[in-house]
Amino acid sequence: MIRLLVADNSKKSILEETSFGGLPVKEIDKIVEWPKCRTCEAEMQYQGKIKTDIGIELIFMCNNDPGMCDDWDAEGGGNKAIIIDEKNLEFFKPTDAKLSIRETEYGVTIAETENVDYDSARENWEGNKRDVLGQLYGEPSWIQGDETPECDCCNKPMRFVAQLEEGPDHRTAMNFGGGGVAYLFDCIKGKTAKFLWQS
């Protein structure tokens, strides 16, 4: 069974649900520093959040000089994935909202299919194929070969969480190298996450 992430405008701006664009969330009364790129030291752009069995996983990626800050690399410092608890949440804004958020937001419905792999599930989707924003769990469909990252806390391969498409509209899409695909991984034990993309 493949769980497709399908764009659903009726599910925008829900604190504890998967969505892309818009504003990230944090736990109420907790101070959260907006992630900064290791290379250019500017605030990263918020990409989206994914609800999992261990919390809400937030994804950030440098978009200040695309392609120059290793934003595709799980270890390069040009992106960041953070896991927070899913209780007592509130939206929060960066210092520079113009560069660090994508105002267009896509809510998500999870559509379970009987397909055996992501590529066939996406190809057989009967709705608008551009509305398929990726998959939750399952197995990654690599473009360039397996790049499963290792966890920093236990030195074991991390669990695959989601595969993401750039988005239904090129004007508001995430930038994974122009037609690329992104991959999110986590560690249940350490509650850590890593993110990368291929094109």
N, C-alpha and C. Protein backbone atom coordinates (compact mmCIF):
# COMPACT_ATOMS: atom_id res chain seq x y z
N MET A 1 0.85 -1.21 0.00
CA MET A 1 0.00 0.00 0.00
C MET A 1 0.88 1.25 0.00
N ILE A 2 0.54 2.19 -0.85
CA ILE A 2 1.26 3.47 -0.94
C ILE A 2 0.34 4.58 -0.44
N ARG A 3 0.86 5.42 0.45
CA ARG A 3 0.11 6.57 0.97
C ARG A 3 0.56 7.82 0.23
N LEU A 4 -0.27 8.29 -0.69
CA LEU A 4 0.06 9.49 -1.44
C LEU A 4 -0.32 10.74 -0.64
N LEU A 5 0.52 11.77 -0.75
CA LEU A 5 0.21 13.09 -0.20
C LEU A 5 -0.39 13.91 -1.33
N VAL A 6 -1.68 14.24 -1.21
CA VAL A 6 -2.40 14.90 -2.28
C VAL A 6 -2.85 16.29 -1.82
N ALA A 7 -2.61 17.31 -2.65
CA ALA A 7 -2.98 18.68 -2.30
C ALA A 7 -4.47 18.78 -2.02
N ASP A 8 -4.81 19.48 -0.93
CA ASP A 8 -6.21 19.62 -0.51
C ASP A 8 -6.37 20.98 0.15
N ASN A 9 -6.97 21.93 -0.59
CA ASN A 9 -7.12 23.30 -0.08
C ASN A 9 -8.00 23.41 1.15
N SER A 10 -8.81 22.40 1.42
CA SER A 10 -9.68 22.46 2.60
C SER A 10 -8.91 22.17 3.89
N LYS A 11 -7.63 21.77 3.75
CA LYS A 11 -6.85 21.42 4.94
C LYS A 11 -5.67 22.35 5.17
N LYS A 12 -5.80 23.60 4.74
CA LYS A 12 -4.75 24.58 4.97
C LYS A 12 -4.85 25.14 6.38
N SER A 13 -3.71 25.62 6.88
CA SER A 13 -3.63 26.36 8.15
C SER A 13 -4.17 25.57 9.34
N ILE A 14 -3.93 24.26 9.35
CA ILE A 14 -4.26 23.42 10.50
C ILE A 14 -2.95 23.11 11.22
N LEU A 15 -2.87 23.51 12.47
CA LEU A 15 -1.61 23.45 13.22
C LEU A 15 -0.94 22.09 13.19
N GLU A 16 -1.71 21.03 13.43
CA GLU A 16 -1.11 19.72 13.64
C GLU A 16 -1.18 18.80 12.43
N GLU A 17 -1.47 19.35 11.24
CA GLU A 17 -1.59 18.51 10.04
C GLU A 17 -0.49 18.81 9.02
N THR A 18 -0.22 17.86 8.17
CA THR A 18 0.77 18.01 7.10
C THR A 18 0.36 19.12 6.14
N SER A 19 1.31 19.99 5.81
CA SER A 19 1.06 21.05 4.82
C SER A 19 2.39 21.56 4.30
N PHE A 20 2.35 22.27 3.17
CA PHE A 20 3.55 22.82 2.57
C PHE A 20 3.35 24.29 2.30
N GLY A 21 4.39 25.11 2.58
CA GLY A 21 4.26 26.55 2.48
C GLY A 21 3.58 27.11 3.71
N GLY A 22 3.23 28.40 3.65
CA GLY A 22 2.60 29.03 4.81
C GLY A 22 3.59 29.21 5.94
N LEU A 23 3.12 29.09 7.18
CA LEU A 23 3.96 29.31 8.35
C LEU A 23 4.25 28.00 9.09
N PRO A 24 5.43 27.89 9.69
CA PRO A 24 5.72 26.73 10.52
C PRO A 24 5.05 26.86 11.88
N VAL A 25 5.14 25.80 12.66
CA VAL A 25 4.56 25.80 14.00
C VAL A 25 5.65 25.53 15.04
N LYS A 26 5.34 25.90 16.28
CA LYS A 26 6.22 25.61 17.41
C LYS A 26 5.34 25.38 18.62
N GLU A 27 5.96 24.84 19.68
CA GLU A 27 5.22 24.67 20.91
C GLU A 27 5.03 26.02 21.58
N ILE A 28 3.83 26.27 22.09
CA ILE A 28 3.50 27.55 22.73
C ILE A 28 4.48 27.82 23.87
N ASP A 29 4.94 29.08 23.95
CA ASP A 29 5.85 29.57 25.00
C ASP A 29 7.27 29.02 24.88
N LYS A 30 7.57 28.29 23.81
CA LYS A 30 8.95 27.85 23.61
C LYS A 30 9.63 28.77 22.62
N ILE A 31 10.85 29.16 22.93
CA ILE A 31 11.62 30.00 22.03
C ILE A 31 12.28 29.11 20.98
N VAL A 32 12.06 29.45 19.72
CA VAL A 32 12.64 28.68 18.61
C VAL A 32 13.41 29.63 17.72
N GLU A 33 14.69 29.31 17.50
CA GLU A 33 15.49 30.11 16.58
C GLU A 33 15.25 29.62 15.16
N TRP A 34 14.94 30.56 14.27
CA TRP A 34 14.74 30.19 12.88
C TRP A 34 16.05 29.64 12.32
N PRO A 35 16.03 28.46 11.68
CA PRO A 35 17.30 27.86 11.18
C PRO A 35 18.00 28.76 10.17
N LYS A 36 19.33 28.79 10.28
CA LYS A 36 20.14 29.57 9.35
C LYS A 36 21.08 28.66 8.58
N CYS A 37 21.37 29.04 7.36
CA CYS A 37 22.26 28.28 6.49
C CYS A 37 23.69 28.32 7.02
N ARG A 38 24.35 27.18 7.03
CA ARG A 38 25.72 27.11 7.50
C ARG A 38 26.67 27.88 6.58
N THR A 39 26.37 27.93 5.28
CA THR A 39 27.26 28.58 4.32
C THR A 39 27.08 30.09 4.28
N CYS A 40 25.86 30.55 4.02
CA CYS A 40 25.64 31.99 3.85
C CYS A 40 25.12 32.67 5.12
N GLU A 41 24.76 31.89 6.13
CA GLU A 41 24.32 32.37 7.44
C GLU A 41 23.00 33.15 7.40
N ALA A 42 22.28 33.04 6.29
CA ALA A 42 20.96 33.69 6.19
C ALA A 42 19.88 32.73 6.66
N GLU A 43 18.71 33.29 7.01
CA GLU A 43 17.59 32.44 7.41
C GLU A 43 17.17 31.54 6.24
N MET A 44 16.93 30.27 6.54
CA MET A 44 16.46 29.35 5.52
C MET A 44 14.98 29.58 5.23
N GLN A 45 14.53 29.08 4.10
CA GLN A 45 13.12 29.18 3.73
C GLN A 45 12.36 27.97 4.26
N TYR A 46 11.22 28.24 4.90
CA TYR A 46 10.38 27.15 5.40
C TYR A 46 9.68 26.47 4.23
N GLN A 47 9.78 25.11 4.16
CA GLN A 47 9.18 24.35 3.08
C GLN A 47 7.85 23.71 3.47
N GLY A 48 7.77 23.15 4.67
CA GLY A 48 6.53 22.50 5.06
C GLY A 48 6.70 21.67 6.32
N LYS A 49 5.60 21.06 6.74
CA LYS A 49 5.61 20.21 7.92
C LYS A 49 4.88 18.90 7.61
N ILE A 50 5.37 17.82 8.22
CA ILE A 50 4.80 16.50 7.99
C ILE A 50 4.49 15.87 9.34
N LYS A 51 3.24 15.46 9.50
CA LYS A 51 2.82 14.81 10.74
C LYS A 51 3.23 13.35 10.68
N THR A 52 3.97 12.89 11.70
CA THR A 52 4.40 11.50 11.75
C THR A 52 4.01 10.90 13.10
N ASP A 53 4.39 9.65 13.32
CA ASP A 53 4.08 8.99 14.57
C ASP A 53 4.96 9.45 15.73
N ILE A 54 5.96 10.29 15.47
CA ILE A 54 6.80 10.80 16.56
C ILE A 54 6.73 12.31 16.71
N GLY A 55 5.87 12.97 15.97
CA GLY A 55 5.71 14.41 16.10
C GLY A 55 5.48 15.10 14.77
N ILE A 56 5.70 16.41 14.76
CA ILE A 56 5.60 17.21 13.55
C ILE A 56 7.02 17.48 13.06
N GLU A 57 7.30 17.12 11.81
CA GLU A 57 8.65 17.27 11.27
C GLU A 57 8.66 18.47 10.31
N LEU A 58 9.40 19.51 10.71
CA LEU A 58 9.48 20.75 9.96
C LEU A 58 10.69 20.72 9.02
N ILE A 59 10.50 21.21 7.80
CA ILE A 59 11.57 21.19 6.80
C ILE A 59 11.91 22.63 6.40
N PHE A 60 13.21 22.97 6.45
CA PHE A 60 13.72 24.27 6.04
C PHE A 60 14.84 24.05 5.02
N MET A 61 14.99 25.00 4.09
CA MET A 61 16.02 24.86 3.06
C MET A 61 16.50 26.24 2.64
N CYS A 62 17.80 26.41 2.47
CA CYS A 62 18.33 27.70 2.04
C CYS A 62 17.85 28.01 0.62
N ASN A 63 17.33 29.23 0.44
CA ASN A 63 16.86 29.65 -0.88
C ASN A 63 17.42 31.03 -1.24
N ASN A 64 18.51 31.43 -0.56
CA ASN A 64 19.05 32.76 -0.77
C ASN A 64 19.90 32.86 -2.03
N ASP A 65 20.59 31.78 -2.35
CA ASP A 65 21.38 31.72 -3.58
C ASP A 65 21.32 30.27 -4.06
N PRO A 66 20.16 29.87 -4.63
CA PRO A 66 19.92 28.46 -4.93
C PRO A 66 21.07 27.78 -5.67
N GLY A 67 21.44 26.61 -5.16
CA GLY A 67 22.50 25.83 -5.76
C GLY A 67 23.90 26.11 -5.22
N MET A 68 24.04 27.16 -4.40
CA MET A 68 25.36 27.53 -3.91
C MET A 68 25.62 27.13 -2.46
N CYS A 69 24.60 26.70 -1.75
CA CYS A 69 24.75 26.45 -0.31
C CYS A 69 24.51 25.00 0.10
N ASP A 70 24.74 24.06 -0.79
CA ASP A 70 24.58 22.63 -0.49
C ASP A 70 23.21 22.32 0.09
N ASP A 71 22.17 22.96 -0.46
CA ASP A 71 20.82 22.76 0.08
C ASP A 71 20.27 21.37 -0.24
N TRP A 72 20.92 20.61 -1.12
CA TRP A 72 20.47 19.27 -1.50
C TRP A 72 21.03 18.18 -0.58
N ASP A 73 22.04 18.53 0.21
CA ASP A 73 22.83 17.55 0.97
C ASP A 73 22.33 17.42 2.40
N ALA A 74 22.10 16.20 2.85
CA ALA A 74 21.63 15.96 4.22
C ALA A 74 22.64 16.43 5.26
N GLU A 75 23.91 16.53 4.89
CA GLU A 75 24.96 16.90 5.84
C GLU A 75 25.59 18.26 5.54
N GLY A 76 25.13 18.94 4.48
CA GLY A 76 25.82 20.14 4.00
C GLY A 76 25.52 21.44 4.74
N GLY A 77 24.49 21.46 5.57
CA GLY A 77 24.17 22.67 6.31
C GLY A 77 23.28 23.64 5.57
N GLY A 78 22.83 23.26 4.35
CA GLY A 78 21.96 24.14 3.58
C GLY A 78 20.49 23.80 3.73
N ASN A 79 20.20 22.82 4.57
CA ASN A 79 18.80 22.53 4.91
C ASN A 79 18.74 22.02 6.34
N LYS A 80 17.54 21.95 6.88
CA LYS A 80 17.38 21.53 8.27
C LYS A 80 16.00 20.91 8.45
N ALA A 81 15.95 19.79 9.16
CA ALA A 81 14.68 19.16 9.53
C ALA A 81 14.63 19.08 11.05
N ILE A 82 13.52 19.51 11.62
CA ILE A 82 13.35 19.59 13.07
C ILE A 82 12.07 18.85 13.46
N ILE A 83 12.13 18.07 14.54
CA ILE A 83 10.94 17.38 15.04
C ILE A 83 10.48 18.04 16.33
N ILE A 84 9.17 18.37 16.40
CA ILE A 84 8.60 18.93 17.61
C ILE A 84 7.38 18.10 18.02
N ASP A 85 7.00 18.20 19.29
CA ASP A 85 5.78 17.53 19.75
C ASP A 85 4.57 18.18 19.09
N GLU A 86 3.49 17.41 18.95
CA GLU A 86 2.33 17.92 18.23
C GLU A 86 1.26 18.51 19.14
N LYS A 87 1.60 18.79 20.39
CA LYS A 87 0.63 19.37 21.32
C LYS A 87 0.94 20.83 21.60
N ASN A 88 -0.11 21.62 21.91
CA ASN A 88 0.05 23.03 22.29
C ASN A 88 0.87 23.81 21.27
N LEU A 89 0.42 23.79 20.03
CA LEU A 89 1.16 24.43 18.94
C LEU A 89 0.64 25.82 18.62
N GLU A 90 1.51 26.62 18.04
CA GLU A 90 1.12 27.92 17.49
C GLU A 90 1.98 28.19 16.27
N PHE A 91 1.46 29.01 15.34
CA PHE A 91 2.26 29.41 14.19
C PHE A 91 3.29 30.45 14.63
N PHE A 92 4.43 30.52 13.91
CA PHE A 92 5.39 31.59 14.20
C PHE A 92 6.05 32.05 12.92
N LYS A 93 6.59 33.28 12.97
CA LYS A 93 7.16 33.91 11.78
C LYS A 93 8.66 34.12 11.93
N PRO A 94 9.36 34.17 10.80
CA PRO A 94 10.79 34.48 10.82
C PRO A 94 11.02 35.99 10.93
N THR A 95 12.28 36.38 11.08
CA THR A 95 12.63 37.81 11.09
C THR A 95 12.34 38.42 9.72
N ASP A 96 12.73 37.71 8.67
CA ASP A 96 12.56 38.22 7.31
C ASP A 96 11.55 37.35 6.57
N ALA A 97 10.28 37.67 6.73
CA ALA A 97 9.21 36.84 6.15
C ALA A 97 9.25 36.85 4.62
N LYS A 98 9.78 37.91 4.02
CA LYS A 98 9.79 38.01 2.56
C LYS A 98 10.65 36.92 1.93
N LEU A 99 11.78 36.58 2.57
CA LEU A 99 12.69 35.57 2.03
C LEU A 99 12.47 34.19 2.62
N SER A 100 11.94 34.11 3.83
CA SER A 100 11.99 32.86 4.57
C SER A 100 10.71 32.04 4.57
N ILE A 101 9.63 32.57 3.99
CA ILE A 101 8.41 31.77 3.88
C ILE A 101 7.88 31.83 2.45
N ARG A 102 7.16 30.79 2.09
CA ARG A 102 6.42 30.75 0.82
C ARG A 102 4.96 30.95 1.18
N GLU A 103 4.39 32.08 0.82
CA GLU A 103 3.05 32.43 1.29
C GLU A 103 1.98 31.44 0.84
N THR A 104 2.12 30.93 -0.38
CA THR A 104 1.14 29.95 -0.85
C THR A 104 1.26 28.68 -0.04
N GLU A 105 0.13 28.20 0.47
CA GLU A 105 0.14 27.00 1.30
C GLU A 105 -0.72 25.91 0.66
N TYR A 106 -0.24 24.67 0.75
CA TYR A 106 -1.00 23.52 0.27
C TYR A 106 -1.28 22.60 1.45
N GLY A 107 -2.57 22.41 1.76
CA GLY A 107 -2.95 21.40 2.72
C GLY A 107 -2.87 20.04 2.05
N VAL A 108 -2.96 18.98 2.84
CA VAL A 108 -2.74 17.64 2.30
C VAL A 108 -3.78 16.65 2.81
N THR A 109 -4.24 15.81 1.90
CA THR A 109 -5.02 14.61 2.24
C THR A 109 -4.13 13.40 1.95
N ILE A 110 -4.18 12.40 2.81
CA ILE A 110 -3.44 11.16 2.55
C ILE A 110 -4.37 10.18 1.86
N ALA A 111 -4.00 9.78 0.65
CA ALA A 111 -4.80 8.85 -0.14
C ALA A 111 -4.09 7.50 -0.20
N GLU A 112 -4.70 6.48 0.37
CA GLU A 112 -4.11 5.14 0.36
C GLU A 112 -4.44 4.44 -0.94
N THR A 113 -3.42 3.87 -1.57
CA THR A 113 -3.60 3.16 -2.84
C THR A 113 -3.09 1.73 -2.70
N GLU A 114 -3.50 0.88 -3.60
CA GLU A 114 -3.08 -0.52 -3.58
C GLU A 114 -1.83 -0.77 -4.42
N ASN A 115 -1.25 0.28 -4.97
CA ASN A 115 -0.05 0.13 -5.80
C ASN A 115 1.12 -0.35 -4.95
N VAL A 116 2.08 -1.01 -5.61
CA VAL A 116 3.20 -1.59 -4.87
C VAL A 116 4.39 -0.65 -4.76
N ASP A 117 4.42 0.42 -5.56
CA ASP A 117 5.51 1.39 -5.44
C ASP A 117 5.00 2.79 -5.75
N TYR A 118 5.79 3.78 -5.34
CA TYR A 118 5.36 5.17 -5.47
C TYR A 118 5.18 5.60 -6.93
N ASP A 119 6.11 5.22 -7.79
CA ASP A 119 6.02 5.66 -9.19
C ASP A 119 4.72 5.19 -9.85
N SER A 120 4.33 3.93 -9.62
CA SER A 120 3.10 3.43 -10.22
C SER A 120 1.87 4.06 -9.55
N ALA A 121 1.96 4.33 -8.25
CA ALA A 121 0.83 4.99 -7.56
C ALA A 121 0.61 6.39 -8.11
N ARG A 122 1.68 7.10 -8.34
CA ARG A 122 1.56 8.47 -8.90
C ARG A 122 1.06 8.42 -10.34
N GLU A 123 1.57 7.49 -11.12
CA GLU A 123 1.15 7.35 -12.52
C GLU A 123 -0.31 6.97 -12.63
N ASN A 124 -0.80 6.14 -11.71
CA ASN A 124 -2.18 5.66 -11.76
C ASN A 124 -3.18 6.55 -11.04
N TRP A 125 -2.69 7.64 -10.45
CA TRP A 125 -3.59 8.56 -9.76
C TRP A 125 -4.61 9.12 -10.74
N GLU A 126 -5.89 9.03 -10.41
CA GLU A 126 -6.95 9.41 -11.36
C GLU A 126 -7.22 10.91 -11.38
N GLY A 127 -6.78 11.62 -10.35
CA GLY A 127 -6.97 13.07 -10.34
C GLY A 127 -5.83 13.76 -11.07
N ASN A 128 -5.67 15.06 -10.81
CA ASN A 128 -4.58 15.84 -11.40
C ASN A 128 -3.26 15.35 -10.83
N LYS A 129 -2.37 14.82 -11.67
CA LYS A 129 -1.11 14.26 -11.20
C LYS A 129 -0.22 15.31 -10.54
N ARG A 130 -0.37 16.58 -10.91
CA ARG A 130 0.42 17.64 -10.28
C ARG A 130 0.00 17.85 -8.83
N ASP A 131 -1.22 17.39 -8.47
CA ASP A 131 -1.67 17.51 -7.08
C ASP A 131 -1.05 16.47 -6.16
N VAL A 132 -0.40 15.47 -6.73
CA VAL A 132 0.31 14.49 -5.90
C VAL A 132 1.62 15.13 -5.45
N LEU A 133 1.71 15.39 -4.14
CA LEU A 133 2.86 16.10 -3.58
C LEU A 133 3.93 15.17 -3.04
N GLY A 134 3.66 13.86 -3.09
CA GLY A 134 4.65 12.91 -2.62
C GLY A 134 4.01 11.70 -1.97
N GLN A 135 4.79 11.03 -1.12
CA GLN A 135 4.29 9.86 -0.42
C GLN A 135 4.75 9.90 1.03
N LEU A 136 4.00 9.22 1.90
CA LEU A 136 4.33 9.09 3.31
C LEU A 136 4.72 7.64 3.58
N TYR A 137 5.92 7.44 4.18
CA TYR A 137 6.46 6.11 4.48
C TYR A 137 6.64 5.31 3.17
N GLY A 138 6.55 4.00 3.23
CA GLY A 138 6.83 3.19 2.05
C GLY A 138 8.32 3.09 1.79
N GLU A 139 8.70 3.09 0.51
CA GLU A 139 10.10 3.00 0.09
C GLU A 139 10.40 4.17 -0.83
N PRO A 140 11.58 4.79 -0.68
CA PRO A 140 11.92 5.90 -1.57
C PRO A 140 12.13 5.45 -3.00
N SER A 141 11.73 6.29 -3.93
CA SER A 141 12.00 6.06 -5.34
C SER A 141 13.13 7.02 -5.73
N TRP A 142 14.35 6.53 -5.66
CA TRP A 142 15.53 7.37 -5.85
C TRP A 142 15.70 7.78 -7.32
N ILE A 143 16.17 8.98 -7.54
CA ILE A 143 16.50 9.44 -8.89
C ILE A 143 17.95 9.10 -9.21
N GLN A 144 18.86 9.31 -8.24
CA GLN A 144 20.29 9.13 -8.50
C GLN A 144 20.91 7.97 -7.73
N GLY A 145 20.15 7.20 -7.01
CA GLY A 145 20.72 6.13 -6.20
C GLY A 145 20.51 6.39 -4.72
N ASP A 146 20.59 5.35 -3.94
CA ASP A 146 20.30 5.38 -2.51
C ASP A 146 21.26 6.31 -1.75
N GLU A 147 20.69 7.31 -1.09
CA GLU A 147 21.47 8.22 -0.25
C GLU A 147 20.89 8.27 1.17
N THR A 148 20.39 7.14 1.66
CA THR A 148 19.83 7.11 3.01
C THR A 148 20.86 7.59 4.01
N PRO A 149 20.56 8.66 4.76
CA PRO A 149 21.55 9.18 5.73
C PRO A 149 21.61 8.32 6.99
N GLU A 150 22.73 8.44 7.69
CA GLU A 150 22.87 7.78 8.99
C GLU A 150 22.52 8.74 10.10
N CYS A 151 21.96 8.19 11.17
CA CYS A 151 21.60 9.00 12.33
C CYS A 151 22.87 9.40 13.09
N ASP A 152 22.91 10.64 13.54
CA ASP A 152 24.07 11.11 14.30
C ASP A 152 24.12 10.53 15.71
N CYS A 153 22.95 10.10 16.23
CA CYS A 153 22.94 9.62 17.61
C CYS A 153 23.20 8.12 17.71
N CYS A 154 22.81 7.35 16.69
CA CYS A 154 23.00 5.89 16.80
C CYS A 154 23.80 5.30 15.64
N ASN A 155 24.21 6.15 14.69
CA ASN A 155 25.04 5.72 13.55
C ASN A 155 24.44 4.59 12.74
N LYS A 156 23.10 4.56 12.66
CA LYS A 156 22.39 3.57 11.87
C LYS A 156 21.62 4.27 10.76
N PRO A 157 21.29 3.56 9.66
CA PRO A 157 20.47 4.18 8.61
C PRO A 157 19.16 4.68 9.18
N MET A 158 18.77 5.88 8.77
CA MET A 158 17.55 6.49 9.30
C MET A 158 16.32 5.91 8.61
N ARG A 159 15.17 6.09 9.24
CA ARG A 159 13.90 5.60 8.71
C ARG A 159 13.39 6.56 7.63
N PHE A 160 12.95 6.01 6.51
CA PHE A 160 12.35 6.83 5.45
C PHE A 160 10.97 7.30 5.90
N VAL A 161 10.73 8.61 5.80
CA VAL A 161 9.47 9.21 6.23
C VAL A 161 8.62 9.65 5.04
N ALA A 162 9.22 10.41 4.12
CA ALA A 162 8.41 10.97 3.03
C ALA A 162 9.27 11.27 1.81
N GLN A 163 8.64 11.19 0.66
CA GLN A 163 9.21 11.63 -0.61
C GLN A 163 8.35 12.77 -1.10
N LEU A 164 8.98 13.86 -1.55
CA LEU A 164 8.23 15.07 -1.88
C LEU A 164 8.50 15.54 -3.30
N GLU A 165 7.43 15.92 -3.98
CA GLU A 165 7.51 16.60 -5.27
C GLU A 165 7.61 18.11 -5.02
N GLU A 166 8.00 18.86 -6.06
CA GLU A 166 8.17 20.30 -5.88
C GLU A 166 6.85 21.03 -5.63
N GLY A 167 5.75 20.57 -6.20
CA GLY A 167 4.46 21.21 -5.98
C GLY A 167 3.66 21.36 -7.26
N PRO A 168 2.36 21.66 -7.14
CA PRO A 168 1.48 21.67 -8.31
C PRO A 168 1.63 22.88 -9.22
N ASP A 169 2.26 23.95 -8.75
CA ASP A 169 2.37 25.17 -9.55
C ASP A 169 3.82 25.63 -9.52
N HIS A 170 4.45 25.75 -10.68
CA HIS A 170 5.88 26.11 -10.72
C HIS A 170 6.16 27.46 -10.08
N ARG A 171 5.16 28.34 -10.03
CA ARG A 171 5.36 29.68 -9.45
C ARG A 171 5.49 29.64 -7.94
N THR A 172 4.94 28.62 -7.31
CA THR A 172 4.97 28.53 -5.85
C THR A 172 5.64 27.24 -5.37
N ALA A 173 6.31 26.54 -6.27
CA ALA A 173 6.87 25.23 -5.94
C ALA A 173 8.12 25.34 -5.07
N MET A 174 8.40 24.26 -4.34
CA MET A 174 9.70 24.13 -3.68
C MET A 174 10.74 23.92 -4.78
N ASN A 175 11.98 24.28 -4.50
CA ASN A 175 13.02 24.21 -5.52
C ASN A 175 13.97 23.05 -5.23
N PHE A 176 13.73 21.92 -5.89
CA PHE A 176 14.60 20.77 -5.77
C PHE A 176 15.40 20.60 -7.05
N GLY A 177 16.02 21.67 -7.50
CA GLY A 177 16.86 21.62 -8.69
C GLY A 177 16.10 21.67 -9.99
N GLY A 178 14.82 22.02 -9.96
CA GLY A 178 14.01 22.09 -11.16
C GLY A 178 13.55 20.71 -11.60
N GLY A 179 12.42 20.26 -11.04
CA GLY A 179 11.89 18.94 -11.36
C GLY A 179 12.46 17.82 -10.52
N GLY A 180 13.18 18.17 -9.45
CA GLY A 180 13.76 17.15 -8.58
C GLY A 180 12.78 16.63 -7.54
N VAL A 181 13.27 15.75 -6.71
CA VAL A 181 12.47 15.10 -5.68
C VAL A 181 13.25 15.15 -4.36
N ALA A 182 12.52 15.36 -3.25
CA ALA A 182 13.17 15.43 -1.94
C ALA A 182 12.78 14.23 -1.08
N TYR A 183 13.61 13.97 -0.06
CA TYR A 183 13.42 12.81 0.80
C TYR A 183 13.65 13.23 2.26
N LEU A 184 12.73 12.81 3.12
CA LEU A 184 12.82 13.10 4.55
C LEU A 184 13.01 11.79 5.32
N PHE A 185 13.96 11.80 6.26
CA PHE A 185 14.25 10.64 7.09
C PHE A 185 14.24 11.05 8.55
N ASP A 186 13.99 10.07 9.43
CA ASP A 186 14.07 10.38 10.86
C ASP A 186 14.62 9.19 11.65
N CYS A 187 14.88 9.46 12.93
CA CYS A 187 15.29 8.43 13.88
C CYS A 187 14.29 8.46 15.03
N ILE A 188 13.58 7.36 15.23
CA ILE A 188 12.57 7.30 16.29
C ILE A 188 13.23 7.42 17.66
N LYS A 189 14.37 6.77 17.83
CA LYS A 189 15.05 6.76 19.12
C LYS A 189 15.52 8.16 19.53
N GLY A 190 16.20 8.83 18.62
CA GLY A 190 16.77 10.13 18.96
C GLY A 190 15.87 11.31 18.65
N LYS A 191 14.74 11.07 17.98
CA LYS A 191 13.83 12.14 17.54
C LYS A 191 14.59 13.21 16.76
N THR A 192 15.37 12.73 15.80
CA THR A 192 16.09 13.63 14.91
C THR A 192 15.67 13.33 13.48
N ALA A 193 15.89 14.28 12.58
CA ALA A 193 15.48 14.12 11.18
C ALA A 193 16.53 14.71 10.25
N LYS A 194 16.58 14.20 9.02
CA LYS A 194 17.44 14.75 7.99
C LYS A 194 16.68 14.80 6.67
N PHE A 195 17.15 15.71 5.80
CA PHE A 195 16.43 16.02 4.56
C PHE A 195 17.47 16.15 3.44
N LEU A 196 17.10 15.70 2.23
CA LEU A 196 17.96 15.86 1.07
C LEU A 196 17.11 15.84 -0.19
N TRP A 197 17.69 16.27 -1.30
CA TRP A 197 16.95 16.14 -2.57
C TRP A 197 17.89 15.73 -3.69
N GLN A 198 17.28 15.19 -4.74
CA GLN A 198 18.01 14.77 -5.96
C GLN A 198 17.27 15.29 -7.18
N SER A 199 18.01 15.51 -8.25
CA SER A 199 17.36 15.91 -9.51
C SER A 199 18.07 15.26 -10.68
